[in-house]
Protein backbone atom coordinates (compact mmCIF):
# COMPACT_ATOMS: atom_id res chain seq x y z
CA MET A 1 -4.75 5.97 21.26
CA LEU A 2 -4.54 3.20 18.66
CA VAL A 3 -1.31 2.26 16.90
CA ALA A 4 -1.67 0.89 13.36
CA VAL A 5 1.33 -0.83 11.76
CA ASP A 6 1.54 -1.81 8.08
CA ILE A 7 4.59 -3.86 7.11
CA GLY A 8 5.29 -3.65 3.39
CA ASN A 9 8.11 -5.04 1.30
CA THR A 10 10.05 -1.77 1.30
CA ASN A 11 8.79 0.34 4.22
CA VAL A 12 7.03 -0.03 7.55
CA HIS A 13 4.25 2.51 8.07
CA VAL A 14 3.11 3.41 11.57
CA GLY A 15 -0.09 5.34 12.22
CA LEU A 16 -1.30 6.92 15.45
CA ALA A 17 -5.06 7.30 15.70
CA GLU A 18 -7.34 9.06 18.17
CA GLY A 19 -11.10 8.52 18.20
CA GLY A 20 -11.00 6.50 15.01
CA LEU A 21 -9.19 9.24 13.07
CA MET A 22 -5.59 9.19 11.87
CA ALA A 23 -3.63 11.76 13.85
CA GLN A 24 -0.10 11.06 12.64
CA ALA A 25 1.76 8.72 10.31
CA ARG A 26 5.41 7.71 10.42
CA LEU A 27 7.52 5.32 8.36
CA PHE A 28 10.92 3.69 8.37
CA PRO A 29 12.66 1.64 5.66
CA LYS A 30 12.78 -2.14 5.89
CA THR A 31 15.83 -3.56 4.17
CA PRO A 32 15.40 -7.07 2.70
CA ASN A 33 17.85 -8.71 5.12
CA VAL A 34 17.00 -6.77 8.26
CA SER A 35 17.46 -8.83 11.42
CA PRO A 36 14.65 -9.20 13.97
CA GLU A 37 16.74 -7.20 16.42
CA GLU A 38 17.25 -4.34 13.95
CA PHE A 39 13.56 -4.33 13.09
CA GLN A 40 12.58 -4.13 16.75
CA VAL A 41 14.99 -1.22 17.35
CA SER A 42 13.52 0.71 14.41
CA LEU A 43 9.93 0.04 15.45
CA SER A 44 10.65 0.97 19.07
CA ALA A 45 12.13 4.28 17.87
CA ALA A 46 9.05 4.98 15.76
CA LEU A 47 6.84 4.35 18.80
CA GLU A 48 8.90 6.36 21.27
CA GLY A 49 6.72 8.36 23.64
CA VAL A 50 3.52 6.60 22.58
CA SER A 51 1.13 4.99 25.09
CA PRO A 52 -1.53 3.16 23.08
CA GLU A 53 -4.57 1.23 24.24
CA ALA A 54 -4.15 -1.33 21.45
CA VAL A 55 -2.20 -2.13 18.29
CA ILE A 56 -3.50 -3.42 14.97
CA VAL A 57 -1.04 -4.73 12.39
CA SER A 58 -1.02 -5.96 8.80
CA SER A 59 1.94 -7.51 7.01
CA VAL A 60 2.87 -8.87 3.60
CA VAL A 61 6.20 -10.04 5.02
CA ARG A 62 6.48 -13.50 6.55
CA GLY A 63 6.95 -13.25 10.34
CA GLY A 64 6.24 -9.51 10.41
CA VAL A 65 3.21 -9.69 12.70
CA ASP A 66 5.10 -11.75 15.29
CA LEU A 67 7.94 -9.20 15.30
CA VAL A 68 5.49 -6.38 15.94
CA ARG A 69 3.74 -8.36 18.66
CA ARG A 70 6.99 -9.12 20.49
CA THR A 71 8.16 -5.53 20.21
CA CYS A 72 4.89 -4.08 21.46
CA ILE A 73 4.64 -6.49 24.39
CA SER A 74 8.19 -5.56 25.38
CA LEU A 75 7.21 -1.87 25.31
CA TRP A 76 3.79 -2.17 26.92
CA ALA A 77 3.16 -5.29 28.99
CA GLY A 78 -0.24 -6.83 28.33
CA ILE A 79 -0.99 -4.68 25.26
CA ASP A 80 -3.63 -6.09 22.91
CA VAL A 81 -2.04 -6.69 19.47
CA VAL A 82 -4.60 -7.50 16.76
CA GLU A 83 -3.66 -8.93 13.36
CA ALA A 84 -5.83 -7.73 10.49
CA THR A 85 -7.08 -10.68 8.45
CA PRO A 86 -9.45 -11.12 5.47
CA GLU A 87 -11.97 -12.73 7.83
CA MET A 88 -12.53 -9.39 9.59
CA ASP A 89 -15.07 -6.81 8.44
CA LEU A 90 -12.98 -4.76 6.01
CA GLY A 91 -15.92 -2.81 4.63
CA ILE A 92 -16.03 -4.92 1.46
CA ARG A 93 -16.47 -8.60 0.66
CA SER A 94 -14.10 -10.48 -1.58
CA ASP A 95 -15.18 -12.22 -4.76
CA VAL A 96 -11.71 -13.78 -4.77
CA GLN A 97 -11.82 -17.00 -2.79
CA PRO A 98 -10.14 -17.79 -0.58
CA ALA A 99 -9.74 -14.13 0.34
CA ALA A 100 -6.44 -15.00 2.03
CA LYS A 101 -4.97 -15.34 -1.47
CA VAL A 102 -5.23 -11.54 -1.77
CA GLY A 103 -2.69 -9.40 0.08
CA ILE A 104 -4.27 -7.96 3.21
CA ASP A 105 -2.84 -4.55 2.30
CA ARG A 106 -4.79 -4.56 -0.96
CA LEU A 107 -8.04 -5.47 0.80
CA LEU A 108 -7.59 -2.88 3.54
CA ALA A 109 -6.83 -0.11 1.05
CA ALA A 110 -9.70 -1.17 -1.21
CA GLY A 111 -12.14 -1.17 1.70
CA GLU A 112 -11.11 2.33 2.70
CA ALA A 113 -11.24 3.57 -0.89
CA TYR A 114 -14.74 2.13 -1.30
CA ALA A 115 -15.92 3.90 1.84
CA LEU A 116 -14.46 7.20 0.68
CA ALA A 117 -15.85 6.85 -2.84
CA GLY A 118 -19.27 5.81 -1.64
CA GLY A 119 -19.52 3.43 -4.58
CA ALA A 120 -17.56 1.66 -7.28
CA VAL A 121 -13.85 2.44 -7.22
CA VAL A 122 -10.65 1.49 -9.00
CA LEU A 123 -7.65 1.80 -6.71
CA VAL A 124 -4.07 2.15 -7.95
CA GLY A 125 -1.33 1.36 -5.44
CA VAL A 126 2.17 2.47 -6.45
CA GLY A 127 4.94 0.97 -4.34
CA THR A 128 7.27 -2.02 -4.62
CA ALA A 129 4.55 -3.34 -6.92
CA ILE A 130 1.88 -1.48 -8.85
CA THR A 131 -1.53 -2.89 -8.05
CA VAL A 132 -4.74 -1.88 -9.78
CA ASP A 133 -7.80 -3.24 -7.98
CA ALA A 134 -11.53 -2.78 -8.42
CA VAL A 135 -14.53 -2.74 -6.09
CA SER A 136 -18.08 -2.87 -7.45
CA SER A 137 -20.85 -0.48 -6.45
CA ASP A 138 -22.26 -3.08 -4.03
CA GLY A 139 -18.92 -3.50 -2.24
CA ARG A 140 -17.47 -6.59 -3.91
CA PHE A 141 -13.70 -6.78 -4.37
CA VAL A 142 -13.63 -8.25 -7.87
CA GLY A 143 -9.85 -8.60 -8.18
CA GLY A 144 -7.15 -6.68 -9.94
CA THR A 145 -3.64 -6.72 -11.35
CA ILE A 146 -0.09 -6.77 -10.00
CA SER A 147 2.99 -5.58 -11.87
CA PRO A 148 6.48 -4.38 -10.85
CA GLY A 149 6.72 -0.96 -9.24
CA LEU A 150 8.77 1.91 -10.64
CA ARG A 151 11.83 1.34 -8.47
CA THR A 152 11.52 -2.43 -8.90
CA LYS A 153 11.69 -2.01 -12.68
CA LEU A 154 14.73 0.26 -12.44
CA GLN A 155 16.51 -2.20 -10.14
CA SER A 156 15.60 -5.19 -12.29
CA LEU A 157 16.97 -3.59 -15.46
CA SER A 158 20.29 -2.98 -13.74
CA ASP A 159 20.43 -6.41 -12.09
CA ARG A 160 19.56 -8.43 -15.18
CA THR A 161 21.65 -6.66 -17.82
CA SER A 162 25.36 -6.18 -18.31
CA LEU A 163 25.50 -2.56 -19.43
CA LEU A 164 22.34 -0.81 -18.27
CA PRO A 165 23.01 1.39 -15.21
CA LEU A 166 20.92 1.67 -12.06
CA VAL A 167 19.01 4.93 -12.49
CA ASP A 168 17.48 6.88 -9.62
CA LEU A 169 13.75 7.47 -9.89
CA LYS A 170 13.13 11.03 -11.09
CA ALA A 171 11.20 12.88 -13.75
CA PRO A 172 12.27 11.89 -17.29
CA ALA A 173 14.43 14.68 -18.70
CA ALA A 174 13.44 13.95 -22.29
CA PHE A 175 10.94 11.99 -24.33
CA PRO A 176 11.98 10.11 -26.27
CA GLY A 177 15.14 9.55 -24.29
CA LYS A 178 18.36 10.61 -26.00
CA GLU A 179 20.83 8.61 -23.92
CA THR A 180 20.55 5.42 -21.91
CA GLY A 181 19.55 6.88 -18.55
CA GLU A 182 16.94 9.16 -20.10
CA SER A 183 15.57 6.27 -22.15
CA ILE A 184 15.23 4.07 -19.07
CA LEU A 185 13.34 6.76 -17.15
CA ALA A 186 11.11 7.53 -20.12
CA GLY A 187 10.27 3.86 -20.55
CA VAL A 188 9.71 3.08 -16.88
CA VAL A 189 7.82 6.21 -15.84
CA ILE A 190 5.75 7.04 -18.91
CA GLY A 191 5.38 3.39 -19.84
CA SER A 192 4.09 2.53 -16.36
CA ALA A 193 1.65 5.44 -16.47
CA GLY A 194 0.34 4.23 -19.81
CA ALA A 195 -0.08 0.70 -18.45
CA VAL A 196 -1.99 2.00 -15.44
CA ASP A 197 -4.27 4.10 -17.66
CA ARG A 198 -5.10 1.00 -19.74
CA LEU A 199 -5.68 -1.21 -16.70
CA VAL A 200 -7.98 1.37 -15.11
CA GLU A 201 -9.93 1.59 -18.37
CA GLU A 202 -10.36 -2.18 -18.49
CA LEU A 203 -11.37 -2.48 -14.83
CA LYS A 204 -13.92 0.31 -15.24
CA LEU A 205 -15.61 -1.90 -17.82
CA VAL A 206 -15.92 -4.55 -15.10
CA VAL A 207 -17.36 -2.39 -12.30
CA GLY A 208 -18.91 0.45 -14.28
CA GLY A 209 -17.53 3.41 -16.19
CA GLY A 210 -18.57 5.84 -13.46
CA ALA A 211 -16.19 4.28 -10.92
CA ALA A 212 -14.00 6.69 -9.00
CA VAL A 213 -10.25 6.30 -9.47
CA MET A 214 -7.89 6.70 -6.52
CA VAL A 215 -4.10 6.52 -6.38
CA THR A 216 -2.16 5.65 -3.24
CA GLY A 217 1.21 4.24 -2.17
CA GLY A 218 4.62 5.77 -1.60
CA ASP A 219 5.26 6.51 -5.28
CA GLY A 220 1.66 7.44 -6.03
CA PRO A 221 2.27 11.21 -5.92
CA PHE A 222 5.26 10.79 -8.25
CA LEU A 223 3.35 8.82 -10.90
CA SER A 224 0.17 10.91 -10.62
CA PRO A 225 1.15 13.73 -13.06
CA TYR A 226 1.90 11.21 -15.80
CA LEU A 227 -1.56 9.58 -15.67
CA LYS A 228 -4.16 10.63 -18.21
CA THR A 229 -6.96 9.09 -16.16
CA GLU A 230 -8.83 11.51 -13.91
CA HIS A 231 -8.03 10.48 -10.35
CA GLN A 232 -7.54 11.50 -6.74
CA VAL A 233 -4.32 10.91 -4.77
CA LEU A 234 -4.82 9.69 -1.20
CA GLU A 235 -2.16 8.87 1.37
CA SER A 236 -2.01 6.15 4.03
CA LEU A 237 -5.04 4.19 2.82
CA VAL A 238 -3.80 0.94 4.38
CA LEU A 239 -3.22 2.60 7.75
CA ARG A 240 -6.60 4.29 7.57
CA GLY A 241 -8.15 0.95 6.65
CA LEU A 242 -6.51 -0.63 9.70
CA VAL A 243 -7.98 2.02 11.98
CA THR A 244 -11.45 1.70 10.45
CA THR A 245 -11.31 -2.11 10.66
CA PHE A 246 -10.32 -1.95 14.34
CA GLU A 247 -13.20 0.42 15.09
CA ARG A 248 -15.68 -1.88 13.35
CA ALA A 249 -14.43 -4.86 15.36
CA ARG A 250 -14.68 -2.94 18.61
CA VAL A 251 -18.22 -1.76 17.92
CA GLY A 252 -19.25 -5.22 16.73
């Protein structure tokens, strides 16, 4: 069994894979000020009862890989913990140089999306940030866009204004909004969907209008119904990309 760990800004995703295929995925929240000890307790709980042959990890959080390595070694002495890096075979090559300037999560997800699409693809990731990335038909990661995620926008409006409330993410009750909370949800949800539609349209001009469009990320299923662009929703693309990358490295 292979354990794949993806450390994001909001959640930690843990995947269990057998024979190169994802068998199970788990997640736990990662608060901004979590201590190393608290992180290790949460990760240990997520891995309870697991006996892997190896672990592969990606992180967009400083120090995250070292925390996973220490936790895994404490659980399984001598376990091989591999960090996914842009220098590995991710199934695509990056036109953005140095590739390390691109988040490893974006490259892993894009590589997996390209493999699934079998050609040009525009990938929308909806989480703490909304990323819209493009891969050409010949497997080149040409770049993309980053903007605040749905919950990030809601939090920012509350934090940076005196009177606007913090609104929970849910379907807008009315459009246009009639009161403040409704107006915030209408603006954030429908506005974000409109922005994504436009960005996808522009990136399709870069890689070809026939590019497949895929949506992933924790809030991907929520935003999906508001998109006008034809697309497919896929879960756990980063974890799946970690598993595929590990298998390529092992075969190579």
